[in-house]
Amino acid sequence: MEVSRQYELIAKYLAGELQEKEEENFLEWVQQDAAHQQLLEESRQIWEDANLPQATIEVDTSMAWDDFEAAIAPEEKNAETAKVVAMRPRKQLWRIAAVLLVLLGASFWWYQNSRITSDEWIQVATNEKQRDQIELPDGSIIWLNTNSSISYANNFETNRTVRLEGEAFFDVARDENHPFRIYSKDTKTEVLGTSFNIRAYPNEEEVQVSVSSGKVAFSETLNNKTPLLLTKGMQGKLEKKNWQLEQAVLENENDIAWKTGALDFKETPLREALTAINHYANIDIQVENEAIYNCTLKSNFKDDSVEDIIKTIEFMLNLTSTQDGNTFILSGKGCEE
């Protein structure tokens, strides 16, 4: 899809002017590629920032489009943009032109002032055996879980935007003039200053945000629905299958045990407990007999080794285990329903 056509559709989508079938095709295009999703996310951010009451943006929009398009896709011709717009019905022309000029004018302003290219983003990544702690230029701290990555701009103190793939715990320094935004797999999380965990692995069916302190606005980036406002002790989820945002109360902090080292099980169904342990230790505990899942676990762990956790489960539930690399198999009679 040509760059001019991309921005025309994005502008119409953000303005709510796409027809039903046109919107369906557009969202299919967005889902086809992570780069398309990122383009929509960044365009939405530009759109939102351009409409802030305090924002004053004065640009020559004709020159803005020439320079901005040349910067991101030199091979595109300005005449093609004019041709696309000219083909639209006259009754919609002023509305399309208006949203295009706002988007493209704001884009040029943003491009000229931030000068962020792919080479100017700083990236930190971990592998399957590594976790890392990063201090950002504004004083915010990020704990990065295994198989995860973040990237942030060189001018981060004035553009507090982070891209996340995988899982990270954030302790965000407060700055009322510069909201802190995290984009992660079709979602946006925005805060001023708080601490929370985001889990957004590409191969998992949901994105989770768990709040430890402060307040977080959690939203999905495709349908522009009202964000979930999450406070301490709450969790937001985006179910990718039905594209629904859900809100729940956190009963414990086992989801962030990978960062705290603490697991707390109070008569917890074993299937749920093993899921938390697997995530905490980055291992794979399986059962030989499905009846084992009928058992419950009541125990606390703090910075325990995998071997000690397995031994505790064996003792409490009268089970045995075998190990094959990173996989553990629990065997035994199990429990009655």
C-alpha atoms as a PDB file:
ATOM      1  CA  MET A   1       0.000   0.000   0.000  1.00  0.00           C
ATOM      2  CA  GLU A   2       1.360   3.429  -0.942  1.00  0.00           C
ATOM      3  CA  VAL A   3       2.416   5.748   1.868  1.00  0.00           C
ATOM      4  CA  SER A   4      -0.135   8.408   0.850  1.00  0.00           C
ATOM      5  CA  ARG A   5      -2.906   5.792   0.872  1.00  0.00           C
ATOM      6  CA  GLN A   6      -1.775   4.491   4.255  1.00  0.00           C
ATOM      7  CA  TYR A   7      -2.054   7.929   5.804  1.00  0.00           C
ATOM      8  CA  GLU A   8      -5.357   8.654   4.119  1.00  0.00           C
ATOM      9  CA  LEU A   9      -6.881   5.501   5.621  1.00  0.00           C
ATOM     10  CA  ILE A  10      -5.285   6.093   9.023  1.00  0.00           C
ATOM     11  CA  ALA A  11      -6.610   9.652   9.066  1.00  0.00           C
ATOM     12  CA  LYS A  12     -10.116   8.548   8.079  1.00  0.00           C
ATOM     13  CA  TYR A  13      -9.982   5.734  10.660  1.00  0.00           C
ATOM     14  CA  LEU A  14      -8.936   8.084  13.468  1.00  0.00           C
ATOM     15  CA  ALA A  15     -11.662  10.513  12.390  1.00  0.00           C
ATOM     16  CA  GLY A  16     -14.269   7.703  12.343  1.00  0.00           C
ATOM     17  CA  GLU A  17     -14.979   8.130   8.618  1.00  0.00           C
ATOM     18  CA  LEU A  18     -14.276   4.633   7.288  1.00  0.00           C
ATOM     19  CA  GLN A  19     -17.217   2.639   5.968  1.00  0.00           C
ATOM     20  CA  GLU A  20     -17.837  -0.761   7.581  1.00  0.00           C
ATOM     21  CA  LYS A  21     -16.195  -2.833   4.830  1.00  0.00           C
ATOM     22  CA  GLU A  22     -13.398  -0.287   4.385  1.00  0.00           C
ATOM     23  CA  GLU A  23     -12.669  -0.399   8.117  1.00  0.00           C
ATOM     24  CA  GLU A  24     -12.689  -4.206   8.099  1.00  0.00           C
ATOM     25  CA  ASN A  25     -10.117  -4.274   5.274  1.00  0.00           C
ATOM     26  CA  PHE A  26      -8.039  -1.614   6.991  1.00  0.00           C
ATOM     27  CA  LEU A  27      -7.894  -3.553  10.287  1.00  0.00           C
ATOM     28  CA  GLU A  28      -6.934  -6.712   8.387  1.00  0.00           C
ATOM     29  CA  TRP A  29      -4.043  -4.758   6.834  1.00  0.00           C
ATOM     30  CA  VAL A  30      -2.998  -3.520  10.276  1.00  0.00           C
ATOM     31  CA  GLN A  31      -2.920  -7.069  11.636  1.00  0.00           C
ATOM     32  CA  GLN A  32      -0.793  -8.362   8.758  1.00  0.00           C
ATOM     33  CA  ASP A  33       2.462  -6.834   9.942  1.00  0.00           C
ATOM     34  CA  ALA A  34       3.926  -5.506  13.197  1.00  0.00           C
ATOM     35  CA  ALA A  35       5.204  -2.502  11.223  1.00  0.00           C
ATOM     36  CA  HIS A  36       1.605  -1.655  10.230  1.00  0.00           C
ATOM     37  CA  GLN A  37       0.540  -1.874  13.879  1.00  0.00           C
ATOM     38  CA  GLN A  38       3.418   0.378  14.922  1.00  0.00           C
ATOM     39  CA  LEU A  39       2.488   2.909  12.220  1.00  0.00           C
ATOM     40  CA  LEU A  40      -1.083   3.073  13.513  1.00  0.00           C
ATOM     41  CA  GLU A  41       0.075   3.336  17.127  1.00  0.00           C
ATOM     42  CA  GLU A  42       2.476   6.176  16.368  1.00  0.00           C
ATOM     43  CA  SER A  43      -0.107   7.950  14.192  1.00  0.00           C
ATOM     44  CA  ARG A  44      -2.659   7.708  17.008  1.00  0.00           C
ATOM     45  CA  GLN A  45      -0.102   9.218  19.385  1.00  0.00           C
ATOM     46  CA  ILE A  46       0.544  12.064  16.929  1.00  0.00           C
ATOM     47  CA  TRP A  47      -3.208  12.534  16.534  1.00  0.00           C
ATOM     48  CA  GLU A  48      -3.767  12.665  20.294  1.00  0.00           C
ATOM     49  CA  ASP A  49      -0.859  15.014  20.915  1.00  0.00           C
ATOM     50  CA  ALA A  50      -1.935  17.340  18.087  1.00  0.00           C
ATOM     51  CA  ASN A  51      -5.368  17.710  19.681  1.00  0.00           C
ATOM     52  CA  LEU A  52      -4.148  18.590  23.166  1.00  0.00           C
ATOM     53  CA  PRO A  53      -5.470  22.039  24.187  1.00  0.00           C
ATOM     54  CA  GLN A  54      -1.998  23.381  24.918  1.00  0.00           C
ATOM     55  CA  ALA A  55      -0.517  22.181  21.630  1.00  0.00           C
ATOM     56  CA  THR A  56       0.110  24.930  19.100  1.00  0.00           C
ATOM     57  CA  ILE A  57       1.369  23.636  15.776  1.00  0.00           C
ATOM     58  CA  GLU A  58       1.913  26.008  12.884  1.00  0.00           C
ATOM     59  CA  VAL A  59       3.294  24.474   9.723  1.00  0.00           C
ATOM     60  CA  ASP A  60       3.091  24.951   5.981  1.00  0.00           C
ATOM     61  CA  THR A  61       1.145  21.736   5.338  1.00  0.00           C
ATOM     62  CA  SER A  62       1.970  21.627   1.647  1.00  0.00           C
ATOM     63  CA  MET A  63       5.686  21.814   2.358  1.00  0.00           C
ATOM     64  CA  ALA A  64       5.221  19.535   5.374  1.00  0.00           C
ATOM     65  CA  TRP A  65       3.878  16.701   3.237  1.00  0.00           C
ATOM     66  CA  ASP A  66       6.654  17.122   0.667  1.00  0.00           C
ATOM     67  CA  ASP A  67       9.387  16.982   3.309  1.00  0.00           C
ATOM     68  CA  PHE A  68       7.788  14.350   5.523  1.00  0.00           C
ATOM     69  CA  GLU A  69       7.018  11.973   2.659  1.00  0.00           C
ATOM     70  CA  ALA A  70      10.511  12.458   1.245  1.00  0.00           C
ATOM     71  CA  ALA A  71      11.948  11.550   4.642  1.00  0.00           C
ATOM     72  CA  ILE A  72      10.010   8.303   5.099  1.00  0.00           C
ATOM     73  CA  ALA A  73       9.498   7.179   1.459  1.00  0.00           C
ATOM     74  CA  PRO A  74      11.450   9.182  -1.144  1.00  0.00           C
ATOM     75  CA  GLU A  75      10.079   7.129  -4.016  1.00  0.00           C
ATOM     76  CA  GLU A  76       6.490   8.272  -3.449  1.00  0.00           C
ATOM     77  CA  LYS A  77       5.184  11.120  -5.620  1.00  0.00           C
ATOM     78  CA  ASN A  78       3.158  13.996  -4.239  1.00  0.00           C
ATOM     79  CA  ALA A  79       0.960  13.897  -7.335  1.00  0.00           C
ATOM     80  CA  GLU A  80      -0.306  10.486  -6.253  1.00  0.00           C
ATOM     81  CA  THR A  81      -1.559  11.980  -2.992  1.00  0.00           C
ATOM     82  CA  ALA A  82      -3.475  14.651  -4.877  1.00  0.00           C
ATOM     83  CA  LYS A  83      -4.911  12.039  -7.227  1.00  0.00           C
ATOM     84  CA  VAL A  84      -6.206   9.875  -4.369  1.00  0.00           C
ATOM     85  CA  VAL A  85      -7.880  12.810  -2.662  1.00  0.00           C
ATOM     86  CA  ALA A  86      -9.316  14.167  -5.892  1.00  0.00           C
ATOM     87  CA  MET A  87     -11.096  10.878  -6.564  1.00  0.00           C
ATOM     88  CA  ARG A  88     -13.144  11.157  -3.351  1.00  0.00           C
ATOM     89  CA  PRO A  89     -16.713  12.507  -3.390  1.00  0.00           C
ATOM     90  CA  ARG A  90     -16.775  16.285  -3.027  1.00  0.00           C
ATOM     91  CA  LYS A  91     -19.025  16.147   0.046  1.00  0.00           C
ATOM     92  CA  GLN A  92     -16.289  14.294   1.967  1.00  0.00           C
ATOM     93  CA  LEU A  93     -13.340  16.197   0.555  1.00  0.00           C
ATOM     94  CA  TRP A  94     -13.118  18.888   3.210  1.00  0.00           C
ATOM     95  CA  ARG A  95     -13.312  16.375   6.051  1.00  0.00           C
ATOM     96  CA  ILE A  96     -10.654  14.083   4.552  1.00  0.00           C
ATOM     97  CA  ALA A  97      -8.450  17.062   3.747  1.00  0.00           C
ATOM     98  CA  ALA A  98      -8.824  18.371   7.284  1.00  0.00           C
ATOM     99  CA  VAL A  99      -7.825  15.151   8.994  1.00  0.00           C
ATOM    100  CA  LEU A 100      -4.996  14.607   6.500  1.00  0.00           C
ATOM    101  CA  LEU A 101      -3.601  18.066   7.076  1.00  0.00           C
ATOM    102  CA  VAL A 102      -3.779  17.703  10.845  1.00  0.00           C
ATOM    103  CA  LEU A 103      -2.119  14.287  10.744  1.00  0.00           C
ATOM    104  CA  LEU A 104       0.534  15.126   8.176  1.00  0.00           C
ATOM    105  CA  GLY A 105       1.187  18.603   9.554  1.00  0.00           C
ATOM    106  CA  ALA A 106       1.559  17.188  13.050  1.00  0.00           C
ATOM    107  CA  SER A 107       3.712  14.385  11.674  1.00  0.00           C
ATOM    108  CA  PHE A 108       6.093  16.856  10.064  1.00  0.00           C
ATOM    109  CA  TRP A 109       6.210  18.963  13.226  1.00  0.00           C
ATOM    110  CA  TRP A 110       6.910  15.834  15.276  1.00  0.00           C
ATOM    111  CA  TYR A 111       9.524  14.670  12.781  1.00  0.00           C
ATOM    112  CA  GLN A 112      11.266  18.042  12.671  1.00  0.00           C
ATOM    113  CA  ASN A 113      11.328  18.443  16.450  1.00  0.00           C
ATOM    114  CA  SER A 114      12.158  14.935  17.625  1.00  0.00           C
ATOM    115  CA  ARG A 115      14.256  13.655  14.685  1.00  0.00           C
ATOM    116  CA  ILE A 116      13.767  10.063  15.801  1.00  0.00           C
ATOM    117  CA  THR A 117      14.872   7.504  13.253  1.00  0.00           C
ATOM    118  CA  SER A 118      15.227   3.762  13.710  1.00  0.00           C
ATOM    119  CA  ASP A 119      18.946   4.294  14.325  1.00  0.00           C
ATOM    120  CA  GLU A 120      18.239   6.690  17.208  1.00  0.00           C
ATOM    121  CA  TRP A 121      16.235   4.244  19.309  1.00  0.00           C
ATOM    122  CA  ILE A 122      18.132   2.520  22.094  1.00  0.00           C
ATOM    123  CA  GLN A 123      17.259  -1.149  22.501  1.00  0.00           C
ATOM    124  CA  VAL A 124      17.888  -3.548  25.380  1.00  0.00           C
ATOM    125  CA  ALA A 125      17.073  -7.260  25.019  1.00  0.00           C
ATOM    126  CA  THR A 126      17.381 -10.402  27.136  1.00  0.00           C
ATOM    127  CA  ASN A 127      17.635 -14.085  26.238  1.00  0.00           C
ATOM    128  CA  GLU A 128      15.971 -17.142  27.808  1.00  0.00           C
ATOM    129  CA  LYS A 129      18.438 -17.202  30.723  1.00  0.00           C
ATOM    130  CA  GLN A 130      18.825 -13.486  31.343  1.00  0.00           C
ATOM    131  CA  ARG A 131      16.987 -10.736  33.221  1.00  0.00           C
ATOM    132  CA  ASP A 132      18.106  -7.137  33.306  1.00  0.00           C
ATOM    133  CA  GLN A 133      17.535  -3.832  35.109  1.00  0.00           C
ATOM    134  CA  ILE A 134      17.631  -0.579  33.137  1.00  0.00           C
ATOM    135  CA  GLU A 135      17.587   3.000  34.410  1.00  0.00           C
ATOM    136  CA  LEU A 136      16.096   5.425  31.887  1.00  0.00           C
ATOM    137  CA  PRO A 137      17.300   9.045  31.475  1.00  0.00           C
ATOM    138  CA  ASP A 138      14.303  10.398  33.447  1.00  0.00           C
ATOM    139  CA  GLY A 139      15.106   8.182  36.454  1.00  0.00           C
ATOM    140  CA  SER A 140      12.484   5.525  35.730  1.00  0.00           C
ATOM    141  CA  ILE A 141      13.574   1.930  36.356  1.00  0.00           C
ATOM    142  CA  ILE A 142      12.652  -1.057  34.187  1.00  0.00           C
ATOM    143  CA  TRP A 143      13.173  -4.692  35.198  1.00  0.00           C
ATOM    144  CA  LEU A 144      13.214  -6.765  32.009  1.00  0.00           C
ATOM    145  CA  ASN A 145      12.191 -10.427  32.156  1.00  0.00           C
ATOM    146  CA  THR A 146      13.641 -13.242  30.041  1.00  0.00           C
ATOM    147  CA  ASN A 147      13.116 -13.285  26.248  1.00  0.00           C
ATOM    148  CA  SER A 148      12.057  -9.632  26.276  1.00  0.00           C
ATOM    149  CA  SER A 149      13.143  -6.350  24.745  1.00  0.00           C
ATOM    150  CA  ILE A 150      12.488  -2.636  25.149  1.00  0.00           C
ATOM    151  CA  SER A 151      13.461   0.330  23.024  1.00  0.00           C
ATOM    152  CA  TYR A 152      13.322   4.043  23.796  1.00  0.00           C
ATOM    153  CA  ALA A 153      14.322   7.256  22.058  1.00  0.00           C
ATOM    154  CA  ASN A 154      17.511   9.252  22.588  1.00  0.00           C
ATOM    155  CA  ASN A 155      15.434  12.289  23.572  1.00  0.00           C
ATOM    156  CA  PHE A 156      13.549  10.239  26.152  1.00  0.00           C
ATOM    157  CA  GLU A 157      13.286  12.960  28.797  1.00  0.00           C
ATOM    158  CA  THR A 158      10.918  14.926  26.543  1.00  0.00           C
ATOM    159  CA  ASN A 159       9.463  11.961  24.629  1.00  0.00           C
ATOM    160  CA  ARG A 160       8.802   9.291  27.251  1.00  0.00           C
ATOM    161  CA  THR A 161       7.785   6.506  24.883  1.00  0.00           C
ATOM    162  CA  VAL A 162       8.841   2.869  25.251  1.00  0.00           C
ATOM    163  CA  ARG A 163       8.220  -0.100  22.981  1.00  0.00           C
ATOM    164  CA  LEU A 164       8.020  -3.457  24.760  1.00  0.00           C
ATOM    165  CA  GLU A 165       7.996  -7.024  23.528  1.00  0.00           C
ATOM    166  CA  GLY A 166       7.830  -9.633  26.274  1.00  0.00           C
ATOM    167  CA  GLU A 167       7.535  -8.715  29.943  1.00  0.00           C
ATOM    168  CA  ALA A 168       8.803  -5.893  32.138  1.00  0.00           C
ATOM    169  CA  PHE A 169       8.130  -4.278  35.500  1.00  0.00           C
ATOM    170  CA  PHE A 170       8.123  -0.468  35.441  1.00  0.00           C
ATOM    171  CA  ASP A 171       8.795   1.971  38.276  1.00  0.00           C
ATOM    172  CA  VAL A 172       8.042   5.260  36.530  1.00  0.00           C
ATOM    173  CA  ALA A 173       9.411   8.602  37.710  1.00  0.00           C
ATOM    174  CA  ARG A 174       6.621  11.177  37.968  1.00  0.00           C
ATOM    175  CA  ASP A 175       6.566  13.948  35.360  1.00  0.00           C
ATOM    176  CA  GLU A 176       3.197  15.652  34.921  1.00  0.00           C
ATOM    177  CA  ASN A 177       4.364  17.461  31.775  1.00  0.00           C
ATOM    178  CA  HIS A 178       5.497  14.305  29.970  1.00  0.00           C
ATOM    179  CA  PRO A 179       3.229  11.238  30.228  1.00  0.00           C
ATOM    180  CA  PHE A 180       5.004   7.881  30.073  1.00  0.00           C
ATOM    181  CA  ARG A 181       3.664   5.654  27.276  1.00  0.00           C
ATOM    182  CA  ILE A 182       4.384   1.973  26.642  1.00  0.00           C
ATOM    183  CA  TYR A 183       3.329   0.347  23.366  1.00  0.00           C
ATOM    184  CA  SER A 184       3.203  -3.447  23.514  1.00  0.00           C
ATOM    185  CA  LYS A 185       1.485  -5.805  21.066  1.00  0.00           C
ATOM    186  CA  ASP A 186      -1.650  -3.837  20.107  1.00  0.00           C
ATOM    187  CA  THR A 187      -1.925  -2.078  23.477  1.00  0.00           C
ATOM    188  CA  LYS A 188      -0.958   1.237  25.005  1.00  0.00           C
ATOM    189  CA  THR A 189      -0.307   1.879  28.700  1.00  0.00           C
ATOM    190  CA  GLU A 190      -0.032   5.508  29.824  1.00  0.00           C
ATOM    191  CA  VAL A 191       0.974   6.866  33.230  1.00  0.00           C
ATOM    192  CA  LEU A 192       2.495   9.892  34.952  1.00  0.00           C
ATOM    193  CA  GLY A 193       4.300   8.021  37.717  1.00  0.00           C
ATOM    194  CA  THR A 194       3.561   4.581  39.173  1.00  0.00           C
ATOM    195  CA  SER A 195       4.770   0.960  39.299  1.00  0.00           C
ATOM    196  CA  PHE A 196       3.254  -1.880  37.297  1.00  0.00           C
ATOM    197  CA  ASN A 197       4.005  -5.018  35.304  1.00  0.00           C
ATOM    198  CA  ILE A 198       3.269  -5.586  31.600  1.00  0.00           C
ATOM    199  CA  ARG A 199       3.284  -9.045  30.085  1.00  0.00           C
ATOM    200  CA  ALA A 200       3.032  -9.024  26.281  1.00  0.00           C
ATOM    201  CA  TYR A 201       4.758 -12.027  24.756  1.00  0.00           C
ATOM    202  CA  PRO A 202       3.950 -12.442  21.029  1.00  0.00           C
ATOM    203  CA  ASN A 203       3.074 -16.152  21.399  1.00  0.00           C
ATOM    204  CA  GLU A 204       0.572 -15.690  24.248  1.00  0.00           C
ATOM    205  CA  GLU A 205      -3.172 -15.152  23.846  1.00  0.00           C
ATOM    206  CA  GLU A 206      -3.458 -12.102  26.091  1.00  0.00           C
ATOM    207  CA  VAL A 207      -1.655  -8.973  27.240  1.00  0.00           C
ATOM    208  CA  GLN A 208      -1.686  -8.303  30.996  1.00  0.00           C
ATOM    209  CA  VAL A 209      -1.035  -5.153  33.027  1.00  0.00           C
ATOM    210  CA  SER A 210      -0.787  -5.569  36.820  1.00  0.00           C
ATOM    211  CA  VAL A 211      -0.621  -2.408  38.946  1.00  0.00           C
ATOM    212  CA  SER A 212       1.431  -2.291  42.149  1.00  0.00           C
ATOM    213  CA  SER A 213       1.010   1.442  42.867  1.00  0.00           C
ATOM    214  CA  GLY A 214      -0.507   4.575  41.358  1.00  0.00           C
ATOM    215  CA  LYS A 215      -2.901   4.679  38.415  1.00  0.00           C
ATOM    216  CA  VAL A 216      -2.562   3.342  34.849  1.00  0.00           C
ATOM    217  CA  ALA A 217      -4.628   3.887  31.685  1.00  0.00           C
ATOM    218  CA  PHE A 218      -4.627   0.657  29.665  1.00  0.00           C
ATOM    219  CA  SER A 219      -6.079   0.529  26.154  1.00  0.00           C
ATOM    220  CA  GLU A 220      -5.954  -1.380  22.884  1.00  0.00           C
ATOM    221  CA  THR A 221      -4.725   0.494  19.839  1.00  0.00           C
ATOM    222  CA  LEU A 222      -7.018  -0.670  17.021  1.00  0.00           C
ATOM    223  CA  ASN A 223     -10.550   0.247  18.049  1.00  0.00           C
ATOM    224  CA  ASN A 224     -10.052   3.422  20.097  1.00  0.00           C
ATOM    225  CA  LYS A 225     -12.250   2.193  22.951  1.00  0.00           C
ATOM    226  CA  THR A 226     -12.324   3.871  26.353  1.00  0.00           C
ATOM    227  CA  PRO A 227      -9.184   2.880  28.314  1.00  0.00           C
ATOM    228  CA  LEU A 228      -9.359   0.862  31.503  1.00  0.00           C
ATOM    229  CA  LEU A 229      -8.307   2.977  34.490  1.00  0.00           C
ATOM    230  CA  LEU A 230      -6.399   0.625  36.791  1.00  0.00           C
ATOM    231  CA  THR A 231      -5.293   1.390  40.333  1.00  0.00           C
ATOM    232  CA  LYS A 232      -3.186  -0.470  42.901  1.00  0.00           C
ATOM    233  CA  GLY A 233      -4.124  -4.142  43.185  1.00  0.00           C
ATOM    234  CA  MET A 234      -5.919  -4.278  39.835  1.00  0.00           C
ATOM    235  CA  GLN A 235      -5.130  -6.068  36.582  1.00  0.00           C
ATOM    236  CA  GLY A 236      -6.165  -5.322  33.012  1.00  0.00           C
ATOM    237  CA  LYS A 237      -6.170  -7.902  30.222  1.00  0.00           C
ATOM    238  CA  LEU A 238      -6.565  -7.754  26.466  1.00  0.00           C
ATOM    239  CA  GLU A 239      -7.913 -11.044  25.120  1.00  0.00           C
ATOM    240  CA  LYS A 240      -6.531 -11.300  21.574  1.00  0.00           C
ATOM    241  CA  LYS A 241      -9.116 -13.870  20.488  1.00  0.00           C
ATOM    242  CA  ASN A 242     -12.147 -11.598  20.928  1.00  0.00           C
ATOM    243  CA  TRP A 243     -10.285  -8.283  21.230  1.00  0.00           C
ATOM    244  CA  GLN A 244     -11.902  -7.515  24.588  1.00  0.00           C
ATOM    245  CA  LEU A 245     -10.476  -5.528  27.493  1.00  0.00           C
ATOM    246  CA  GLU A 246     -11.137  -7.084  30.902  1.00  0.00           C
ATOM    247  CA  GLN A 247     -10.497  -5.863  34.415  1.00  0.00           C
ATOM    248  CA  ALA A 248      -9.904  -7.947  37.561  1.00  0.00           C
ATOM    249  CA  VAL A 249      -8.685  -7.692  41.146  1.00  0.00           C
ATOM    250  CA  LEU A 250      -5.250  -9.143  41.875  1.00  0.00           C
ATOM    251  CA  GLU A 251      -5.534 -11.793  44.596  1.00  0.00           C
ATOM    252  CA  ASN A 252      -1.753 -12.087  44.921  1.00  0.00           C
ATOM    253  CA  GLU A 253       1.436 -10.910  43.246  1.00  0.00           C
ATOM    254  CA  ASN A 254       2.481 -14.277  41.823  1.00  0.00           C
ATOM    255  CA  ASP A 255       2.410 -12.744  38.334  1.00  0.00           C
ATOM    256  CA  ILE A 256       5.454 -10.650  39.213  1.00  0.00           C
ATOM    257  CA  ALA A 257       7.297 -13.335  41.191  1.00  0.00           C
ATOM    258  CA  TRP A 258       9.947 -13.300  38.444  1.00  0.00           C
ATOM    259  CA  LYS A 259      10.839  -9.806  39.744  1.00  0.00           C
ATOM    260  CA  THR A 260      10.091 -10.100  43.487  1.00  0.00           C
ATOM    261  CA  GLY A 261      11.166 -13.735  43.997  1.00  0.00           C
ATOM    262  CA  ALA A 262       8.042 -14.328  46.133  1.00  0.00           C
ATOM    263  CA  LEU A 263       5.315 -16.933  45.489  1.00  0.00           C
ATOM    264  CA  ASP A 264       2.258 -17.237  47.730  1.00  0.00           C
ATOM    265  CA  PHE A 265      -0.154 -20.171  47.374  1.00  0.00           C
ATOM    266  CA  LYS A 266      -3.243 -20.456  49.602  1.00  0.00           C
ATOM    267  CA  GLU A 267      -5.005 -23.707  48.684  1.00  0.00           C
ATOM    268  CA  THR A 268      -4.289 -22.772  45.063  1.00  0.00           C
ATOM    269  CA  PRO A 269      -5.355 -25.245  42.336  1.00  0.00           C
ATOM    270  CA  LEU A 270      -2.175 -26.999  41.242  1.00  0.00           C
ATOM    271  CA  ARG A 271      -2.627 -26.138  37.565  1.00  0.00           C
ATOM    272  CA  GLU A 272      -2.673 -22.437  38.471  1.00  0.00           C
ATOM    273  CA  ALA A 273       0.251 -22.845  40.865  1.00  0.00           C
ATOM    274  CA  LEU A 274       2.386 -24.644  38.281  1.00  0.00           C
ATOM    275  CA  THR A 275       1.667 -21.928  35.716  1.00  0.00           C
ATOM    276  CA  ALA A 276       2.973 -19.324  38.172  1.00  0.00           C
ATOM    277  CA  ILE A 277       6.037 -21.440  39.044  1.00  0.00           C
ATOM    278  CA  ASN A 278       6.821 -22.057  35.383  1.00  0.00           C
ATOM    279  CA  HIS A 279       6.731 -18.341  34.709  1.00  0.00           C
ATOM    280  CA  TYR A 280       8.738 -17.486  37.823  1.00  0.00           C
ATOM    281  CA  ALA A 281      11.561 -19.948  37.079  1.00  0.00           C
ATOM    282  CA  ASN A 282      11.290 -20.032  33.262  1.00  0.00           C
ATOM    283  CA  ILE A 283      10.806 -23.820  33.304  1.00  0.00           C
ATOM    284  CA  ASP A 284       8.144 -26.283  32.149  1.00  0.00           C
ATOM    285  CA  ILE A 285       6.507 -28.461  34.831  1.00  0.00           C
ATOM    286  CA  GLN A 286       4.135 -31.076  33.414  1.00  0.00           C
ATOM    287  CA  VAL A 287       2.066 -33.887  34.977  1.00  0.00           C
ATOM    288  CA  GLU A 288       1.984 -37.557  34.009  1.00  0.00           C
ATOM    289  CA  ASN A 289      -1.480 -38.093  35.484  1.00  0.00           C
ATOM    290  CA  GLU A 290      -4.263 -35.527  34.974  1.00  0.00           C
ATOM    291  CA  ALA A 291      -5.593 -36.338  38.477  1.00  0.00           C
ATOM    292  CA  ILE A 292      -2.569 -34.470  39.860  1.00  0.00           C
ATOM    293  CA  TYR A 293      -4.228 -31.253  38.704  1.00  0.00           C
ATOM    294  CA  ASN A 294      -7.050 -31.948  41.201  1.00  0.00           C
ATOM    295  CA  CYS A 295      -4.612 -31.223  44.032  1.00  0.00           C
ATOM    296  CA  THR A 296      -4.156 -27.834  45.668  1.00  0.00           C
ATOM    297  CA  LEU A 297      -0.960 -26.249  46.963  1.00  0.00           C
ATOM    298  CA  LYS A 298      -0.546 -24.296  50.193  1.00  0.00           C
ATOM    299  CA  SER A 299       2.973 -22.955  50.514  1.00  0.00           C
ATOM    300  CA  ASN A 300       5.131 -19.841  50.329  1.00  0.00           C
ATOM    301  CA  PHE A 301       8.438 -19.452  48.525  1.00  0.00           C
ATOM    302  CA  LYS A 302      10.956 -16.628  48.576  1.00  0.00           C
ATOM    303  CA  ASP A 303      13.967 -16.753  46.268  1.00  0.00           C
ATOM    304  CA  ASP A 304      13.849 -20.563  46.360  1.00  0.00           C
ATOM    305  CA  SER A 305      15.666 -22.637  43.772  1.00  0.00           C
ATOM    306  CA  VAL A 306      13.721 -24.705  41.251  1.00  0.00           C
ATOM    307  CA  GLU A 307      14.988 -27.885  42.917  1.00  0.00           C
ATOM    308  CA  ASP A 308      13.703 -26.789  46.345  1.00  0.00           C
ATOM    309  CA  ILE A 309      10.293 -25.852  44.957  1.00  0.00           C
ATOM    310  CA  ILE A 310       9.947 -29.220  43.199  1.00  0.00           C
ATOM    311  CA  LYS A 311      10.995 -31.093  46.356  1.00  0.00           C
ATOM    312  CA  THR A 312       8.385 -29.189  48.398  1.00  0.00           C
ATOM    313  CA  ILE A 313       5.635 -30.091  45.920  1.00  0.00           C
ATOM    314  CA  GLU A 314       6.753 -33.745  45.920  1.00  0.00           C
ATOM    315  CA  PHE A 315       6.661 -33.911  49.726  1.00  0.00           C
ATOM    316  CA  MET A 316       3.330 -32.121  50.197  1.00  0.00           C
ATOM    317  CA  LEU A 317       1.442 -34.006  47.477  1.00  0.00           C
ATOM    318  CA  ASN A 318       3.210 -37.384  47.664  1.00  0.00           C
ATOM    319  CA  LEU A 319       4.592 -37.097  44.142  1.00  0.00           C
ATOM    320  CA  THR A 320       7.853 -37.896  42.399  1.00  0.00           C
ATOM    321  CA  SER A 321       9.513 -36.043  39.530  1.00  0.00           C
ATOM    322  CA  THR A 322      11.880 -36.631  36.659  1.00  0.00           C
ATOM    323  CA  GLN A 323      13.848 -33.973  34.819  1.00  0.00           C
ATOM    324  CA  ASP A 324      14.774 -33.652  31.171  1.00  0.00           C
ATOM    325  CA  GLY A 325      16.643 -30.420  30.586  1.00  0.00           C
ATOM    326  CA  ASN A 326      14.287 -27.574  31.422  1.00  0.00           C
ATOM    327  CA  THR A 327      11.232 -29.862  31.717  1.00  0.00           C
ATOM    328  CA  PHE A 328      10.013 -31.572  34.905  1.00  0.00           C
ATOM    329  CA  ILE A 329       7.410 -34.386  34.929  1.00  0.00           C
ATOM    330  CA  LEU A 330       5.394 -34.916  38.139  1.00  0.00           C
ATOM    331  CA  SER A 331       4.159 -38.457  38.713  1.00  0.00           C
ATOM    332  CA  GLY A 332       1.864 -39.971  41.332  1.00  0.00           C
ATOM    333  CA  LYS A 333      -1.687 -40.862  42.228  1.00  0.00           C
ATOM    334  CA  GLY A 334      -2.944 -37.311  42.375  1.00  0.00           C
ATOM    335  CA  CYS A 335      -6.066 -36.162  44.233  1.00  0.00           C
ATOM    336  CA  GLU A 336      -9.779 -36.892  44.017  1.00  0.00           C
ATOM    337  CA  GLU A 337     -12.110 -34.217  42.698  1.00  0.00           C
END
